[in-house]
Amino acid sequence: MRAETAAQVRDYLIQMVDLFHRRYIVGPSIGDRDIAVPEASMDAPWFDTKIPGVAKLNCFIHVPDKVYNLIKRVKWGPSTGNTTGVICDGVAAPASLEMIGIVPINTHDEKYEAALYEKPNWRPLTMNLELKIVSLATKQVDAPRRGLVTVPAEQFIVNAHITKD
């Protein structure tokens, strides 16, 4: 999808969150890499359910430099101070709640989160904005190179790949 303004990015992300909610959370399970909407391009949104407990809708947005830099400055969640590309990660701030908050949750069992990270070595320059619903229940998994780690039992993620033209 091509977006010329921040408002177009916002509207598209709301559409993707709504699609994810209607097709995955409310409706029947969608298999790996099913096309979410009919688009004749490599940038068509698709569902990824390969990791047990994680359901992700990947979508792709191409933006001009000005919009890219604006998205990068928005406070989506708590800043990390990290120098490895993670700009923010954690509890969703009002900017991200405006989009992911259209999906109702049980606040005793779930929470909204957001993350923004940039891939500075990729060309063209790309950021990922993740809008998440995360289970407060946890499970332990054996992670490569990290050993046993505690992770949320379930995560629903709209992952926007934002590319600067």
Foldseek 3Di string as FASTA:
>chain_A
DEDAALVVVLVVLLVVLVLCCVPDVVHPHDDAFDFSDDDPDPQGWGWHCPDQQEIEIEGEYEYAPVRVVVVLPDPQADADPDPQFKGHKDAGDPVLCVRNVVRDDDVVFKGWMWTKGWDVVDPPTKIKIKTKIFTPDWDWDQDPPPGIDIGTNHMYIYIYIYGYD
